[in-house]
Amino acid sequence: MSTGAEQNNSTDRALKAKHRALWASGDYPSVAAELVGSLGPELVKAVGVGPGQRVLDVAAGSGNASIPAAEAGARVTASDLTPELFDAGRRIAAARGVELEWVEADAEALPFADNDFDVVLSCLGAMFAPHHQATADELVRVCRPGGTIGMINWTPQGFIGQLFATMKPYAAPPLPGASPAPLWGDEDHVRELFGDKVTDLTFRRQTTLMEHSPSPVEFREYWKRNYGPTIAAYAFSKDQPERVADLDRDFLTFLETWNQSGEAGRTAYSAEYLVVTATKR
């Protein structure tokens, strides 16, 4: 008979395997480069990464923040639960003439020592780990006292937060204990997660403009091909054609409603995100 602890560990392993497969599906490196390529350099600038610093990028993906940090002269470790994304990151880093360490790692249980890094970053990454408090605790643990923690997270009210809200009725239900990723874009939630473990906690809401596709229909198909969470939502409903048709309809309505371009043959989506910076006590 399995113990409660064994059952919990099995559930957690299944959840992590599901998350790894989700982000390995599609082509997230293309999404990162084509839609949010400017956000990694922005985060590096916001936390003041400089030469010689030891920097950890948590849930780094293909290195959207890691590579700019290395270009700033830092010694960078890029970590992610989904090492399938590292190949693209290594190619980008080589093309840009920088080297960094790539380490498979769970944001909720980082394989690094306490107080090991001068700067701990996460750009649209750690927010997707299911257990928010465990993730926040790890970000703080591996940062040295007086070091800097910096994040960019999608907000619940913004374009990506509402994209997730649109997909939610069609996606698999979250496993027990998992929290919605866009909560990391809520200032009160982040304050509660970090508590008194940090000082100088600051927030800044900004937007990035996505002008990728000429029509909402083509933008919907782009998400369906490339973005893991969208692929997962469609896969969950694949055996129910009516649900797939409803998701197609609701997704298109969402994209038509949020399209800010008044020109035919053009789309423009303003996506809000939260820049978080803090100093470890």
C-alpha atoms as a PDB file:
ATOM      1  CA  MET A   1       0.000   0.000   0.000  1.00  0.00           C
ATOM      2  CA  SER A   2       1.359   3.474  -0.883  1.00  0.00           C
ATOM      3  CA  THR A   3       1.825   6.030   1.835  1.00  0.00           C
ATOM      4  CA  GLY A   4       0.417   9.541   1.613  1.00  0.00           C
ATOM      5  CA  ALA A   5       3.932  10.896   1.044  1.00  0.00           C
ATOM      6  CA  GLU A   6       4.523   8.448  -1.801  1.00  0.00           C
ATOM      7  CA  GLN A   7       1.220   9.417  -3.406  1.00  0.00           C
ATOM      8  CA  ASN A   8       2.082  13.111  -3.088  1.00  0.00           C
ATOM      9  CA  ASN A   9       5.516  12.536  -4.631  1.00  0.00           C
ATOM     10  CA  SER A  10       3.945  10.586  -7.487  1.00  0.00           C
ATOM     11  CA  THR A  11       1.417  13.362  -8.095  1.00  0.00           C
ATOM     12  CA  ASP A  12       4.175  15.963  -8.073  1.00  0.00           C
ATOM     13  CA  ARG A  13       6.306  13.971 -10.518  1.00  0.00           C
ATOM     14  CA  ALA A  14       3.316  13.616 -12.822  1.00  0.00           C
ATOM     15  CA  LEU A  15       2.664  17.354 -12.627  1.00  0.00           C
ATOM     16  CA  LYS A  16       6.286  18.205 -13.435  1.00  0.00           C
ATOM     17  CA  ALA A  17       6.358  15.732 -16.323  1.00  0.00           C
ATOM     18  CA  LYS A  18       3.194  17.337 -17.659  1.00  0.00           C
ATOM     19  CA  HIS A  19       4.723  20.819 -17.440  1.00  0.00           C
ATOM     20  CA  ARG A  20       7.939  19.700 -19.122  1.00  0.00           C
ATOM     21  CA  ALA A  21       5.998  18.114 -21.994  1.00  0.00           C
ATOM     22  CA  LEU A  22       3.801  21.194 -22.321  1.00  0.00           C
ATOM     23  CA  TRP A  23       6.718  23.583 -22.840  1.00  0.00           C
ATOM     24  CA  ALA A  24       8.592  21.129 -25.060  1.00  0.00           C
ATOM     25  CA  SER A  25       5.629  21.018 -27.460  1.00  0.00           C
ATOM     26  CA  GLY A  26       5.280  23.552 -30.244  1.00  0.00           C
ATOM     27  CA  ASP A  27       8.077  26.068 -30.735  1.00  0.00           C
ATOM     28  CA  TYR A  28       8.465  28.271 -27.676  1.00  0.00           C
ATOM     29  CA  PRO A  29      11.875  29.624 -28.791  1.00  0.00           C
ATOM     30  CA  SER A  30      10.125  31.155 -31.808  1.00  0.00           C
ATOM     31  CA  VAL A  31       7.414  32.670 -29.619  1.00  0.00           C
ATOM     32  CA  ALA A  32      10.076  34.094 -27.296  1.00  0.00           C
ATOM     33  CA  ALA A  33      12.006  35.616 -30.187  1.00  0.00           C
ATOM     34  CA  GLU A  34       9.098  36.838 -32.291  1.00  0.00           C
ATOM     35  CA  LEU A  35       6.667  38.120 -29.664  1.00  0.00           C
ATOM     36  CA  VAL A  36       8.619  38.980 -26.502  1.00  0.00           C
ATOM     37  CA  GLY A  37      12.240  39.278 -27.582  1.00  0.00           C
ATOM     38  CA  SER A  38      12.638  42.731 -26.029  1.00  0.00           C
ATOM     39  CA  LEU A  39      11.611  41.682 -22.520  1.00  0.00           C
ATOM     40  CA  GLY A  40      14.742  39.721 -21.599  1.00  0.00           C
ATOM     41  CA  PRO A  41      17.075  42.676 -22.234  1.00  0.00           C
ATOM     42  CA  GLU A  42      14.625  44.936 -20.414  1.00  0.00           C
ATOM     43  CA  LEU A  43      14.752  42.759 -17.290  1.00  0.00           C
ATOM     44  CA  VAL A  44      18.557  42.610 -17.409  1.00  0.00           C
ATOM     45  CA  LYS A  45      18.612  46.409 -17.521  1.00  0.00           C
ATOM     46  CA  ALA A  46      16.001  46.750 -14.752  1.00  0.00           C
ATOM     47  CA  VAL A  47      18.132  44.786 -12.276  1.00  0.00           C
ATOM     48  CA  GLY A  48      21.427  46.328 -13.392  1.00  0.00           C
ATOM     49  CA  VAL A  49      23.307  43.181 -14.395  1.00  0.00           C
ATOM     50  CA  GLY A  50      26.994  43.976 -14.792  1.00  0.00           C
ATOM     51  CA  PRO A  51      30.411  42.407 -15.446  1.00  0.00           C
ATOM     52  CA  GLY A  52      31.533  39.635 -13.119  1.00  0.00           C
ATOM     53  CA  GLN A  53      28.206  39.086 -11.378  1.00  0.00           C
ATOM     54  CA  ARG A  54      26.941  35.560 -10.856  1.00  0.00           C
ATOM     55  CA  VAL A  55      23.479  35.455 -12.408  1.00  0.00           C
ATOM     56  CA  LEU A  56      20.860  32.694 -12.333  1.00  0.00           C
ATOM     57  CA  ASP A  57      17.982  32.751 -14.816  1.00  0.00           C
ATOM     58  CA  VAL A  58      15.162  30.545 -13.487  1.00  0.00           C
ATOM     59  CA  ALA A  59      12.862  28.915 -16.069  1.00  0.00           C
ATOM     60  CA  ALA A  60      15.124  30.460 -18.678  1.00  0.00           C
ATOM     61  CA  GLY A  61      13.677  28.708 -21.722  1.00  0.00           C
ATOM     62  CA  SER A  62      15.903  29.470 -24.697  1.00  0.00           C
ATOM     63  CA  GLY A  63      17.704  32.287 -22.881  1.00  0.00           C
ATOM     64  CA  ASN A  64      15.630  35.407 -23.492  1.00  0.00           C
ATOM     65  CA  ALA A  65      17.152  37.008 -20.371  1.00  0.00           C
ATOM     66  CA  SER A  66      20.161  34.722 -19.856  1.00  0.00           C
ATOM     67  CA  ILE A  67      21.894  35.633 -23.088  1.00  0.00           C
ATOM     68  CA  PRO A  68      21.575  39.432 -22.639  1.00  0.00           C
ATOM     69  CA  ALA A  69      22.894  38.978 -19.074  1.00  0.00           C
ATOM     70  CA  ALA A  70      25.936  37.163 -20.476  1.00  0.00           C
ATOM     71  CA  GLU A  71      26.372  39.940 -23.039  1.00  0.00           C
ATOM     72  CA  ALA A  72      26.474  42.378 -20.100  1.00  0.00           C
ATOM     73  CA  GLY A  73      29.545  40.515 -18.819  1.00  0.00           C
ATOM     74  CA  ALA A  74      27.917  38.370 -16.126  1.00  0.00           C
ATOM     75  CA  ARG A  75      28.678  34.716 -15.414  1.00  0.00           C
ATOM     76  CA  VAL A  76      25.298  33.209 -16.187  1.00  0.00           C
ATOM     77  CA  THR A  77      23.549  29.947 -15.364  1.00  0.00           C
ATOM     78  CA  ALA A  78      20.371  29.331 -17.354  1.00  0.00           C
ATOM     79  CA  SER A  79      18.104  26.776 -15.672  1.00  0.00           C
ATOM     80  CA  ASP A  80      14.851  25.242 -16.870  1.00  0.00           C
ATOM     81  CA  LEU A  81      12.642  22.218 -16.240  1.00  0.00           C
ATOM     82  CA  THR A  82      12.499  21.693 -20.030  1.00  0.00           C
ATOM     83  CA  PRO A  83      16.033  21.130 -21.358  1.00  0.00           C
ATOM     84  CA  GLU A  84      14.613  20.600 -24.852  1.00  0.00           C
ATOM     85  CA  LEU A  85      14.638  24.412 -25.065  1.00  0.00           C
ATOM     86  CA  PHE A  86      18.396  24.631 -24.476  1.00  0.00           C
ATOM     87  CA  ASP A  87      19.448  23.652 -28.002  1.00  0.00           C
ATOM     88  CA  ALA A  88      17.900  26.802 -29.440  1.00  0.00           C
ATOM     89  CA  GLY A  89      19.455  28.824 -26.612  1.00  0.00           C
ATOM     90  CA  ARG A  90      22.921  27.424 -27.281  1.00  0.00           C
ATOM     91  CA  ARG A  91      22.614  28.311 -30.969  1.00  0.00           C
ATOM     92  CA  ILE A  92      21.534  31.869 -30.177  1.00  0.00           C
ATOM     93  CA  ALA A  93      24.300  32.293 -27.596  1.00  0.00           C
ATOM     94  CA  ALA A  94      26.944  30.984 -30.014  1.00  0.00           C
ATOM     95  CA  ALA A  95      25.730  33.321 -32.752  1.00  0.00           C
ATOM     96  CA  ARG A  96      26.008  36.245 -30.335  1.00  0.00           C
ATOM     97  CA  GLY A  97      29.443  35.231 -29.084  1.00  0.00           C
ATOM     98  CA  VAL A  98      28.676  34.458 -25.438  1.00  0.00           C
ATOM     99  CA  GLU A  99      28.946  31.379 -23.249  1.00  0.00           C
ATOM    100  CA  LEU A 100      26.754  30.373 -20.328  1.00  0.00           C
ATOM    101  CA  GLU A 101      25.936  27.270 -18.329  1.00  0.00           C
ATOM    102  CA  TRP A 102      22.688  25.422 -19.077  1.00  0.00           C
ATOM    103  CA  VAL A 103      21.245  23.341 -16.213  1.00  0.00           C
ATOM    104  CA  GLU A 104      18.062  21.273 -16.061  1.00  0.00           C
ATOM    105  CA  ALA A 105      16.303  22.411 -12.886  1.00  0.00           C
ATOM    106  CA  ASP A 106      12.893  22.640 -11.255  1.00  0.00           C
ATOM    107  CA  ALA A 107      12.060  26.210 -10.160  1.00  0.00           C
ATOM    108  CA  GLU A 108      10.462  24.769  -7.017  1.00  0.00           C
ATOM    109  CA  ALA A 109      13.577  22.784  -6.008  1.00  0.00           C
ATOM    110  CA  LEU A 110      16.636  24.462  -7.502  1.00  0.00           C
ATOM    111  CA  PRO A 111      19.871  22.392  -7.388  1.00  0.00           C
ATOM    112  CA  PHE A 112      21.991  25.324  -6.186  1.00  0.00           C
ATOM    113  CA  ALA A 113      23.437  26.292  -2.833  1.00  0.00           C
ATOM    114  CA  ASP A 114      21.985  28.907  -0.517  1.00  0.00           C
ATOM    115  CA  ASN A 115      23.158  32.485  -1.190  1.00  0.00           C
ATOM    116  CA  ASP A 116      24.900  31.386  -4.403  1.00  0.00           C
ATOM    117  CA  PHE A 117      24.036  34.174  -6.877  1.00  0.00           C
ATOM    118  CA  ASP A 118      24.299  37.959  -7.002  1.00  0.00           C
ATOM    119  CA  VAL A 119      21.229  38.240  -9.228  1.00  0.00           C
ATOM    120  CA  VAL A 120      18.317  35.835  -9.703  1.00  0.00           C
ATOM    121  CA  LEU A 121      16.112  36.500 -12.736  1.00  0.00           C
ATOM    122  CA  SER A 122      13.015  35.074 -14.344  1.00  0.00           C
ATOM    123  CA  CYS A 123      11.429  36.463 -17.498  1.00  0.00           C
ATOM    124  CA  LEU A 124       7.973  34.960 -18.126  1.00  0.00           C
ATOM    125  CA  GLY A 125       9.253  31.683 -16.721  1.00  0.00           C
ATOM    126  CA  ALA A 126       9.042  30.952 -12.999  1.00  0.00           C
ATOM    127  CA  MET A 127       5.495  32.321 -12.999  1.00  0.00           C
ATOM    128  CA  PHE A 128       4.404  29.070 -14.689  1.00  0.00           C
ATOM    129  CA  ALA A 129       5.692  26.785 -11.927  1.00  0.00           C
ATOM    130  CA  PRO A 130       2.529  25.459 -10.260  1.00  0.00           C
ATOM    131  CA  HIS A 131       3.371  26.098  -6.587  1.00  0.00           C
ATOM    132  CA  HIS A 132       3.968  29.811  -6.191  1.00  0.00           C
ATOM    133  CA  GLN A 133       5.191  29.916  -2.602  1.00  0.00           C
ATOM    134  CA  ALA A 134       7.750  27.177  -3.171  1.00  0.00           C
ATOM    135  CA  THR A 135       8.998  29.037  -6.245  1.00  0.00           C
ATOM    136  CA  ALA A 136       9.275  32.369  -4.431  1.00  0.00           C
ATOM    137  CA  ASP A 137      11.121  30.717  -1.553  1.00  0.00           C
ATOM    138  CA  GLU A 138      13.641  29.183  -3.973  1.00  0.00           C
ATOM    139  CA  LEU A 139      14.254  32.475  -5.796  1.00  0.00           C
ATOM    140  CA  VAL A 140      15.113  34.045  -2.448  1.00  0.00           C
ATOM    141  CA  ARG A 141      17.109  31.095  -1.090  1.00  0.00           C
ATOM    142  CA  VAL A 142      19.670  30.968  -3.895  1.00  0.00           C
ATOM    143  CA  CYS A 143      20.192  34.762  -3.957  1.00  0.00           C
ATOM    144  CA  ARG A 144      22.885  36.171  -1.654  1.00  0.00           C
ATOM    145  CA  PRO A 145      21.914  38.657   1.071  1.00  0.00           C
ATOM    146  CA  GLY A 146      21.859  42.078  -0.547  1.00  0.00           C
ATOM    147  CA  GLY A 147      21.512  40.504  -3.977  1.00  0.00           C
ATOM    148  CA  THR A 148      18.803  41.319  -6.481  1.00  0.00           C
ATOM    149  CA  ILE A 149      15.746  39.350  -7.570  1.00  0.00           C
ATOM    150  CA  GLY A 150      14.024  40.415 -10.787  1.00  0.00           C
ATOM    151  CA  MET A 151      11.007  39.078 -12.667  1.00  0.00           C
ATOM    152  CA  ILE A 152       8.778  39.934 -15.592  1.00  0.00           C
ATOM    153  CA  ASN A 153       5.323  38.338 -15.304  1.00  0.00           C
ATOM    154  CA  TRP A 154       2.123  38.599 -17.326  1.00  0.00           C
ATOM    155  CA  THR A 155      -0.728  40.325 -15.481  1.00  0.00           C
ATOM    156  CA  PRO A 156      -4.166  38.714 -15.008  1.00  0.00           C
ATOM    157  CA  GLN A 157      -5.911  41.670 -16.670  1.00  0.00           C
ATOM    158  CA  GLY A 158      -3.586  41.906 -19.678  1.00  0.00           C
ATOM    159  CA  PHE A 159      -3.694  40.238 -23.076  1.00  0.00           C
ATOM    160  CA  ILE A 160      -1.890  37.025 -22.075  1.00  0.00           C
ATOM    161  CA  GLY A 161      -3.732  36.762 -18.765  1.00  0.00           C
ATOM    162  CA  GLN A 162      -7.012  37.010 -20.641  1.00  0.00           C
ATOM    163  CA  LEU A 163      -5.810  34.548 -23.269  1.00  0.00           C
ATOM    164  CA  PHE A 164      -5.410  32.030 -20.445  1.00  0.00           C
ATOM    165  CA  ALA A 165      -8.875  32.930 -19.146  1.00  0.00           C
ATOM    166  CA  THR A 166     -10.287  32.263 -22.619  1.00  0.00           C
ATOM    167  CA  MET A 167      -8.624  28.844 -22.831  1.00  0.00           C
ATOM    168  CA  LYS A 168      -9.395  27.797 -19.241  1.00  0.00           C
ATOM    169  CA  PRO A 169     -12.860  26.263 -19.860  1.00  0.00           C
ATOM    170  CA  TYR A 170     -11.334  23.997 -22.513  1.00  0.00           C
ATOM    171  CA  ALA A 171      -8.091  23.028 -20.769  1.00  0.00           C
ATOM    172  CA  ALA A 172      -7.437  20.193 -18.351  1.00  0.00           C
ATOM    173  CA  PRO A 173      -8.352  21.123 -14.772  1.00  0.00           C
ATOM    174  CA  PRO A 174      -5.344  22.098 -12.656  1.00  0.00           C
ATOM    175  CA  LEU A 175      -4.044  19.511 -10.233  1.00  0.00           C
ATOM    176  CA  PRO A 176      -4.582  20.185  -6.518  1.00  0.00           C
ATOM    177  CA  GLY A 177      -2.285  22.848  -5.116  1.00  0.00           C
ATOM    178  CA  ALA A 178      -1.490  24.482  -8.461  1.00  0.00           C
ATOM    179  CA  SER A 179      -2.050  28.248  -8.714  1.00  0.00           C
ATOM    180  CA  PRO A 180      -2.846  30.238 -11.874  1.00  0.00           C
ATOM    181  CA  ALA A 181       0.317  31.606 -13.490  1.00  0.00           C
ATOM    182  CA  PRO A 182      -0.989  35.174 -14.083  1.00  0.00           C
ATOM    183  CA  LEU A 183      -1.340  35.706 -10.317  1.00  0.00           C
ATOM    184  CA  TRP A 184       2.398  36.450 -10.438  1.00  0.00           C
ATOM    185  CA  GLY A 185       1.366  39.646 -12.225  1.00  0.00           C
ATOM    186  CA  ASP A 186      -0.671  40.820  -9.237  1.00  0.00           C
ATOM    187  CA  GLU A 187       1.263  43.092  -6.881  1.00  0.00           C
ATOM    188  CA  ASP A 188      -0.521  41.964  -3.704  1.00  0.00           C
ATOM    189  CA  HIS A 189       0.091  38.302  -4.528  1.00  0.00           C
ATOM    190  CA  VAL A 190       3.809  38.909  -5.082  1.00  0.00           C
ATOM    191  CA  ARG A 191       4.072  40.913  -1.834  1.00  0.00           C
ATOM    192  CA  GLU A 192       2.527  38.005   0.051  1.00  0.00           C
ATOM    193  CA  LEU A 193       4.834  35.454  -1.600  1.00  0.00           C
ATOM    194  CA  PHE A 194       8.060  37.308  -0.778  1.00  0.00           C
ATOM    195  CA  GLY A 195       6.900  38.666   2.592  1.00  0.00           C
ATOM    196  CA  ASP A 196       9.665  39.968   4.835  1.00  0.00           C
ATOM    197  CA  LYS A 197      12.386  37.985   3.063  1.00  0.00           C
ATOM    198  CA  VAL A 198      13.070  40.928   0.737  1.00  0.00           C
ATOM    199  CA  THR A 199      13.339  44.713   0.908  1.00  0.00           C
ATOM    200  CA  ASP A 200      12.978  47.427  -1.744  1.00  0.00           C
ATOM    201  CA  LEU A 201      10.210  45.508  -3.480  1.00  0.00           C
ATOM    202  CA  THR A 202       9.143  47.538  -6.518  1.00  0.00           C
ATOM    203  CA  PHE A 203       6.575  47.040  -9.266  1.00  0.00           C
ATOM    204  CA  ARG A 204       6.148  48.615 -12.660  1.00  0.00           C
ATOM    205  CA  ARG A 205       3.389  47.773 -15.134  1.00  0.00           C
ATOM    206  CA  GLN A 206       4.327  48.081 -18.793  1.00  0.00           C
ATOM    207  CA  THR A 207       3.147  46.782 -22.146  1.00  0.00           C
ATOM    208  CA  THR A 208       4.720  45.189 -25.193  1.00  0.00           C
ATOM    209  CA  LEU A 209       3.112  45.361 -28.622  1.00  0.00           C
ATOM    210  CA  MET A 210       2.597  42.152 -30.592  1.00  0.00           C
ATOM    211  CA  GLU A 211       2.180  42.819 -34.321  1.00  0.00           C
ATOM    212  CA  HIS A 212       2.971  39.387 -35.662  1.00  0.00           C
ATOM    213  CA  SER A 213       0.117  38.267 -37.922  1.00  0.00           C
ATOM    214  CA  PRO A 214      -1.984  39.978 -40.589  1.00  0.00           C
ATOM    215  CA  SER A 215      -5.307  38.705 -39.217  1.00  0.00           C
ATOM    216  CA  PRO A 216      -6.798  37.388 -35.956  1.00  0.00           C
ATOM    217  CA  VAL A 217      -7.399  34.007 -37.635  1.00  0.00           C
ATOM    218  CA  GLU A 218      -3.729  33.701 -38.589  1.00  0.00           C
ATOM    219  CA  PHE A 219      -2.659  34.796 -35.103  1.00  0.00           C
ATOM    220  CA  ARG A 220      -4.898  32.119 -33.584  1.00  0.00           C
ATOM    221  CA  GLU A 221      -3.267  29.489 -35.785  1.00  0.00           C
ATOM    222  CA  TYR A 222       0.177  30.772 -34.762  1.00  0.00           C
ATOM    223  CA  TRP A 223      -0.662  30.152 -31.090  1.00  0.00           C
ATOM    224  CA  LYS A 224      -2.080  26.724 -31.915  1.00  0.00           C
ATOM    225  CA  ARG A 225       1.144  25.706 -33.697  1.00  0.00           C
ATOM    226  CA  ASN A 226       3.729  27.165 -31.367  1.00  0.00           C
ATOM    227  CA  TYR A 227       2.589  27.841 -27.788  1.00  0.00           C
ATOM    228  CA  GLY A 228       2.569  24.911 -25.381  1.00  0.00           C
ATOM    229  CA  PRO A 229      -0.433  25.928 -23.227  1.00  0.00           C
ATOM    230  CA  THR A 230      -2.572  26.507 -26.335  1.00  0.00           C
ATOM    231  CA  ILE A 231      -1.484  23.192 -27.823  1.00  0.00           C
ATOM    232  CA  ALA A 232      -2.390  21.489 -24.525  1.00  0.00           C
ATOM    233  CA  ALA A 233      -5.860  23.069 -24.418  1.00  0.00           C
ATOM    234  CA  TYR A 234      -6.635  21.831 -27.918  1.00  0.00           C
ATOM    235  CA  ALA A 235      -5.183  18.390 -27.170  1.00  0.00           C
ATOM    236  CA  PHE A 236      -7.415  18.054 -24.108  1.00  0.00           C
ATOM    237  CA  SER A 237     -10.514  18.625 -26.269  1.00  0.00           C
ATOM    238  CA  LYS A 238      -9.347  16.804 -29.406  1.00  0.00           C
ATOM    239  CA  ASP A 239     -11.790  13.889 -29.019  1.00  0.00           C
ATOM    240  CA  GLN A 240     -14.745  16.283 -28.811  1.00  0.00           C
ATOM    241  CA  PRO A 241     -15.038  18.147 -32.130  1.00  0.00           C
ATOM    242  CA  GLU A 242     -17.757  20.421 -30.792  1.00  0.00           C
ATOM    243  CA  ARG A 243     -15.496  21.597 -27.966  1.00  0.00           C
ATOM    244  CA  VAL A 244     -12.667  22.221 -30.419  1.00  0.00           C
ATOM    245  CA  ALA A 245     -15.029  24.261 -32.584  1.00  0.00           C
ATOM    246  CA  ASP A 246     -16.183  26.230 -29.539  1.00  0.00           C
ATOM    247  CA  LEU A 247     -12.583  26.907 -28.509  1.00  0.00           C
ATOM    248  CA  ASP A 248     -11.766  28.041 -32.054  1.00  0.00           C
ATOM    249  CA  ARG A 249     -14.747  30.398 -31.945  1.00  0.00           C
ATOM    250  CA  ASP A 250     -14.000  31.812 -28.491  1.00  0.00           C
ATOM    251  CA  PHE A 251     -10.297  32.198 -29.262  1.00  0.00           C
ATOM    252  CA  LEU A 252     -11.073  34.092 -32.471  1.00  0.00           C
ATOM    253  CA  THR A 253     -13.626  36.319 -30.732  1.00  0.00           C
ATOM    254  CA  PHE A 254     -11.027  37.115 -28.084  1.00  0.00           C
ATOM    255  CA  LEU A 255      -8.405  38.026 -30.693  1.00  0.00           C
ATOM    256  CA  GLU A 256     -10.865  40.124 -32.683  1.00  0.00           C
ATOM    257  CA  THR A 257     -11.925  41.988 -29.546  1.00  0.00           C
ATOM    258  CA  TRP A 258      -8.368  42.706 -28.406  1.00  0.00           C
ATOM    259  CA  ASN A 259      -7.021  43.694 -31.824  1.00  0.00           C
ATOM    260  CA  GLN A 260      -6.055  47.367 -31.598  1.00  0.00           C
ATOM    261  CA  SER A 261      -5.167  47.801 -35.254  1.00  0.00           C
ATOM    262  CA  GLY A 262      -7.666  49.702 -37.327  1.00  0.00           C
ATOM    263  CA  GLU A 263      -6.023  48.656 -40.587  1.00  0.00           C
ATOM    264  CA  ALA A 264      -6.989  45.761 -42.822  1.00  0.00           C
ATOM    265  CA  GLY A 265      -4.318  43.089 -43.076  1.00  0.00           C
ATOM    266  CA  ARG A 266      -2.750  44.020 -39.748  1.00  0.00           C
ATOM    267  CA  THR A 267      -3.129  43.120 -36.079  1.00  0.00           C
ATOM    268  CA  ALA A 268      -1.765  44.787 -32.961  1.00  0.00           C
ATOM    269  CA  TYR A 269      -2.052  43.477 -29.398  1.00  0.00           C
ATOM    270  CA  SER A 270      -0.852  45.392 -26.356  1.00  0.00           C
ATOM    271  CA  ALA A 271       0.210  42.839 -23.723  1.00  0.00           C
ATOM    272  CA  GLU A 272       0.604  44.080 -20.148  1.00  0.00           C
ATOM    273  CA  TYR A 273       3.300  42.702 -17.853  1.00  0.00           C
ATOM    274  CA  LEU A 274       4.642  43.428 -14.374  1.00  0.00           C
ATOM    275  CA  VAL A 275       8.327  44.179 -13.754  1.00  0.00           C
ATOM    276  CA  VAL A 276       9.264  43.062 -10.225  1.00  0.00           C
ATOM    277  CA  THR A 277      12.541  43.909  -8.503  1.00  0.00           C
ATOM    278  CA  ALA A 278      13.603  43.245  -4.912  1.00  0.00           C
ATOM    279  CA  THR A 279      16.661  42.996  -2.667  1.00  0.00           C
ATOM    280  CA  LYS A 280      17.188  39.933  -0.479  1.00  0.00           C
ATOM    281  CA  ARG A 281      17.508  40.778   3.216  1.00  0.00           C
END
